[in-house]
Amino acid sequence: MPDNLYCLSEVDLFRDLSRREMADLGAHAPLRNVAAGQVLYSPQRPTETLFIVKRGRVRLYQISAAGQTVTTALLGPSTVFGEIPLMGLRMGSNWAEALEPSQLCLMSLHDVRQLLLADPRIATRIVEHMTERITELEHRLTDLACKSLPERLASTLWTLTKGTLSGTVPEPVRLTHHQLAGLVNATRERTTTALGELADHGLIRLHRGKITVTSRERLLTYAEGGGRTATNFPLEH
């Protein structure tokens, strides 16, 4: 498959395009391979670039004056981010880093204006994507206010294993306890304790730096409060 076609193939935003249209568009969106932990965007050095996630996962986060990180979004394949006001995309004080080895397609502001927003099919998909992002942010804020730490952690692990075929065991999550703590806005020590609780309930297996979800269905039920009792699962923020 030609590189310019490969970059945008399987990205949902462009599913309405023909192969030729996708190849023409892909010529303006070079592929970039990034390592886990690599910073992709910094508010200290803003750039008007559209990042399209093809493979892997990206975390958007902010850093408080005290140095604490607060995760604002977890982005997987087919999602976009960047400082593109024309699309309603603003990074503000958000940073972006790759959670795992990832592939991204990059597009300049000029090409976004000339190629993406001029095509009503793509513009419609972008609006749908932004609506989903707003809904996800609302859910994250609600979770932070209303859910216990184990429930927030279960919800995050469920999100990180999206795309798994029904009835199959998801690929292990290869994140350190410190990285997971940043995703659920907690300390590493409390995150380690919460992981132990999920393991005790048979929802995950912990082995040599890997976290394996045994059942996404049960994990989601737990994340939504299905396993909470008044004595065992008090809210801990």
Protein backbone atom coordinates (compact mmCIF):
# COMPACT_ATOMS: atom_id res chain seq x y z
CA MET A 1 0.00 0.00 0.00
CA PRO A 2 1.45 3.42 -0.91
CA ASP A 3 2.62 5.44 2.11
CA ASN A 4 0.28 8.34 1.36
CA LEU A 5 -2.69 5.96 1.28
CA TYR A 6 -1.54 3.92 4.28
CA CYS A 7 -1.39 6.92 6.59
CA LEU A 8 -5.10 7.73 6.41
CA SER A 9 -6.46 4.24 5.73
CA GLU A 10 -8.60 2.81 8.54
CA VAL A 11 -8.99 6.29 10.04
CA ASP A 12 -12.72 6.79 10.55
CA LEU A 13 -12.68 10.49 9.65
CA PHE A 14 -11.89 9.57 6.04
CA ARG A 15 -14.09 6.51 5.60
CA ASP A 16 -16.32 8.28 3.03
CA LEU A 17 -13.41 8.95 0.65
CA SER A 18 -12.40 6.86 -2.33
CA ARG A 19 -8.92 5.30 -2.39
CA ARG A 20 -7.75 7.97 -4.84
CA GLU A 21 -9.15 10.81 -2.72
CA MET A 22 -7.53 9.29 0.35
CA ALA A 23 -4.18 8.97 -1.42
CA ASP A 24 -4.31 12.59 -2.61
CA LEU A 25 -5.13 13.76 0.90
CA GLY A 26 -2.51 11.49 2.45
CA ALA A 27 0.20 13.16 0.38
CA HIS A 28 -0.31 16.20 2.64
CA ALA A 29 -0.30 14.20 5.91
CA PRO A 30 3.10 12.57 6.50
CA LEU A 31 3.28 9.61 8.86
CA ARG A 32 5.23 9.97 12.09
CA ASN A 33 6.25 7.11 14.39
CA VAL A 34 6.59 8.11 18.04
CA ALA A 35 7.87 6.27 21.10
CA ALA A 36 5.99 5.76 24.35
CA GLY A 37 6.40 8.79 26.61
CA GLN A 38 7.30 11.17 23.78
CA VAL A 39 5.85 14.67 24.18
CA LEU A 40 3.91 15.57 21.03
CA TYR A 41 2.60 19.00 21.96
CA SER A 42 3.70 21.56 24.54
CA PRO A 43 1.87 24.80 25.43
CA GLN A 44 5.32 26.34 25.80
CA ARG A 45 5.95 25.77 22.08
CA PRO A 46 2.50 25.80 20.44
CA THR A 47 2.18 24.84 16.79
CA GLU A 48 -0.82 24.97 14.46
CA THR A 49 -0.69 21.33 13.40
CA LEU A 50 -3.45 18.74 13.21
CA PHE A 51 -2.43 15.39 14.72
CA ILE A 52 -4.40 12.36 13.50
CA VAL A 53 -3.93 9.23 15.61
CA LYS A 54 -3.61 6.15 13.42
CA ARG A 55 -2.16 3.64 15.88
CA GLY A 56 -1.58 3.70 19.63
CA ARG A 57 -2.87 6.02 22.34
CA VAL A 58 -2.22 9.62 23.31
CA ARG A 59 -2.87 11.37 26.60
CA LEU A 60 -3.81 15.04 26.90
CA TYR A 61 -3.04 16.51 30.29
CA GLN A 62 -2.44 19.72 32.21
CA ILE A 63 0.13 20.49 34.89
CA SER A 64 -0.92 22.41 38.00
CA ALA A 65 1.18 25.05 39.72
CA ALA A 66 2.09 22.39 42.28
CA GLY A 67 3.37 20.11 39.52
CA GLN A 68 0.46 17.65 39.61
CA THR A 69 -0.75 16.32 36.26
CA VAL A 70 -4.46 16.12 35.46
CA THR A 71 -5.51 13.98 32.50
CA THR A 72 -8.13 15.67 30.31
CA ALA A 73 -8.47 13.10 27.50
CA LEU A 74 -7.34 9.66 26.34
CA LEU A 75 -7.20 9.45 22.55
CA GLY A 76 -7.06 6.29 20.45
CA PRO A 77 -7.05 5.48 16.72
CA SER A 78 -9.13 7.74 14.44
CA THR A 79 -9.09 10.65 16.88
CA VAL A 80 -7.54 14.08 16.31
CA PHE A 81 -6.02 16.83 18.41
CA GLY A 82 -4.04 20.03 17.95
CA GLU A 83 -4.31 23.81 17.98
CA ILE A 84 -6.69 24.30 15.03
CA PRO A 85 -9.25 27.00 15.97
CA LEU A 86 -10.96 26.65 12.56
CA MET A 87 -12.03 23.15 13.62
CA GLY A 88 -12.92 24.12 17.16
CA LEU A 89 -9.77 22.35 18.36
CA ARG A 90 -7.84 24.19 21.05
CA MET A 91 -5.07 22.79 23.21
CA GLY A 92 -4.87 25.73 25.61
CA SER A 93 -2.59 24.67 28.47
CA ASN A 94 -2.81 20.98 27.53
CA TRP A 95 0.23 18.86 26.87
CA ALA A 96 0.11 15.73 24.69
CA GLU A 97 2.23 12.60 25.09
CA ALA A 98 2.19 9.12 23.55
CA LEU A 99 1.15 6.48 26.09
CA GLU A 100 2.56 3.70 23.91
CA PRO A 101 4.42 3.38 20.59
CA SER A 102 2.10 5.20 18.18
CA GLN A 103 1.66 6.36 14.60
CA LEU A 104 0.28 9.78 13.77
CA CYS A 105 -0.45 11.65 10.55
CA LEU A 106 0.38 15.37 10.68
CA MET A 107 -1.31 18.10 8.66
CA SER A 108 -0.59 21.83 8.48
CA LEU A 109 -3.17 24.53 9.15
CA HIS A 110 -3.11 25.52 5.47
CA ASP A 111 -3.89 21.98 4.32
CA VAL A 112 -6.60 21.60 6.96
CA ARG A 113 -8.29 24.72 5.61
CA GLN A 114 -7.90 23.82 1.93
CA LEU A 115 -8.45 20.06 2.05
CA LEU A 116 -10.42 19.04 5.11
CA LEU A 117 -12.87 21.82 5.88
CA ALA A 118 -13.65 22.25 2.18
CA ASP A 119 -14.98 18.67 2.01
CA PRO A 120 -18.43 18.43 3.65
CA ARG A 121 -18.03 14.69 4.24
CA ILE A 122 -14.91 15.17 6.33
CA ALA A 123 -16.29 18.30 8.01
CA THR A 124 -19.31 16.27 9.16
CA ARG A 125 -17.07 13.58 10.65
CA ILE A 126 -15.06 16.25 12.45
CA VAL A 127 -18.22 17.66 14.05
CA GLU A 128 -19.17 14.14 15.18
CA HIS A 129 -15.70 13.65 16.63
CA MET A 130 -15.80 16.93 18.56
CA THR A 131 -19.20 16.02 20.00
CA GLU A 132 -17.75 12.72 21.24
CA ARG A 133 -14.79 14.54 22.80
CA ILE A 134 -17.09 16.89 24.72
CA THR A 135 -19.14 13.93 25.95
CA GLU A 136 -15.98 12.11 27.04
CA LEU A 137 -14.75 15.15 28.97
CA GLU A 138 -18.12 15.41 30.74
CA HIS A 139 -17.85 11.74 31.72
CA ARG A 140 -14.31 12.21 33.05
CA LEU A 141 -15.38 15.16 35.19
CA THR A 142 -18.37 13.20 36.51
CA ASP A 143 -16.17 10.19 37.27
CA LEU A 144 -13.69 12.36 39.16
CA ALA A 145 -16.44 13.84 41.31
CA CYS A 146 -18.63 10.79 41.89
CA LYS A 147 -16.61 7.59 41.57
CA SER A 148 -14.18 5.86 43.89
CA LEU A 149 -10.58 5.46 42.78
CA PRO A 150 -10.98 1.73 41.98
CA GLU A 151 -14.01 2.58 39.83
CA ARG A 152 -12.12 5.34 38.00
CA LEU A 153 -9.24 2.95 37.44
CA ALA A 154 -11.61 0.28 36.10
CA SER A 155 -13.13 2.83 33.72
CA THR A 156 -9.67 3.87 32.50
CA LEU A 157 -8.56 0.27 31.91
CA TRP A 158 -11.80 -0.36 30.02
CA THR A 159 -11.06 2.64 27.80
CA LEU A 160 -7.47 1.51 27.22
CA THR A 161 -8.68 -1.88 25.96
CA LYS A 162 -11.28 -0.55 23.53
CA GLY A 163 -11.26 -2.28 20.16
CA THR A 164 -11.02 -5.77 21.64
CA LEU A 165 -13.21 -8.32 19.89
CA SER A 166 -16.09 -9.65 21.98
CA GLY A 167 -15.24 -12.89 23.76
CA THR A 168 -11.47 -12.42 23.49
CA VAL A 169 -8.94 -11.43 26.13
CA PRO A 170 -7.61 -7.89 25.53
CA GLU A 171 -3.94 -7.23 24.92
CA PRO A 172 -2.18 -6.44 28.23
CA VAL A 173 -1.92 -2.81 29.26
CA ARG A 174 1.78 -2.00 29.55
CA LEU A 175 1.79 1.08 31.76
CA THR A 176 3.57 1.63 35.04
CA HIS A 177 1.65 2.34 38.21
CA HIS A 178 3.01 5.89 38.05
CA GLN A 179 1.63 6.35 34.52
CA LEU A 180 -1.77 4.95 35.53
CA ALA A 181 -1.81 7.27 38.53
CA GLY A 182 -1.49 10.19 36.14
CA LEU A 183 -4.47 8.94 34.15
CA VAL A 184 -6.78 8.67 37.17
CA ASN A 185 -5.43 11.75 38.98
CA ALA A 186 -4.19 9.90 42.06
CA THR A 187 -0.92 9.06 43.77
CA ARG A 188 1.09 6.03 42.69
CA GLU A 189 0.65 4.40 46.11
CA ARG A 190 -3.15 4.67 46.09
CA THR A 191 -3.25 3.52 42.47
CA THR A 192 -1.25 0.41 43.38
CA THR A 193 -3.73 -0.33 46.17
CA ALA A 194 -6.68 0.13 43.79
CA LEU A 195 -5.08 -2.23 41.26
CA GLY A 196 -4.82 -4.81 44.02
CA GLU A 197 -8.55 -4.43 44.71
CA LEU A 198 -9.41 -5.00 41.05
CA ALA A 199 -7.15 -8.06 41.00
CA ASP A 200 -8.77 -9.42 44.19
CA HIS A 201 -12.14 -9.20 42.43
CA GLY A 202 -10.80 -11.17 39.47
CA LEU A 203 -11.22 -8.25 37.05
CA ILE A 204 -7.53 -8.01 36.13
CA ARG A 205 -4.30 -10.00 36.39
CA LEU A 206 -1.02 -8.33 37.33
CA HIS A 207 2.22 -9.86 36.05
CA ARG A 208 5.66 -8.33 35.50
CA GLY A 209 4.60 -4.83 34.56
CA LYS A 210 1.57 -5.98 32.55
CA ILE A 211 -2.10 -5.59 33.41
CA THR A 212 -4.46 -8.06 31.73
CA VAL A 213 -8.20 -7.41 31.81
CA THR A 214 -10.00 -10.72 32.27
CA SER A 215 -13.46 -9.46 31.25
CA ARG A 216 -14.24 -6.02 29.82
CA GLU A 217 -17.95 -6.58 30.49
CA ARG A 218 -17.43 -7.21 34.21
CA LEU A 219 -14.90 -4.38 34.37
CA LEU A 220 -17.44 -1.94 32.92
CA THR A 221 -20.10 -3.10 35.37
CA TYR A 222 -17.68 -2.49 38.22
CA ALA A 223 -16.67 0.92 36.82
CA GLU A 224 -20.32 1.97 36.77
CA GLY A 225 -20.72 1.12 40.45
CA GLY A 226 -22.14 -2.36 39.99
CA GLY A 227 -19.74 -3.90 42.48
CA ARG A 228 -19.92 -1.22 45.17
CA THR A 229 -21.29 -1.86 48.63
CA ALA A 230 -21.64 0.58 51.46
CA THR A 231 -18.90 -1.15 53.46
CA ASN A 232 -16.42 -2.20 50.81
CA PHE A 233 -16.31 0.63 48.33
CA PRO A 234 -16.49 4.06 49.94
CA LEU A 235 -15.75 6.95 47.66
CA GLU A 236 -12.06 7.87 47.75
CA HIS A 237 -10.88 10.85 45.72
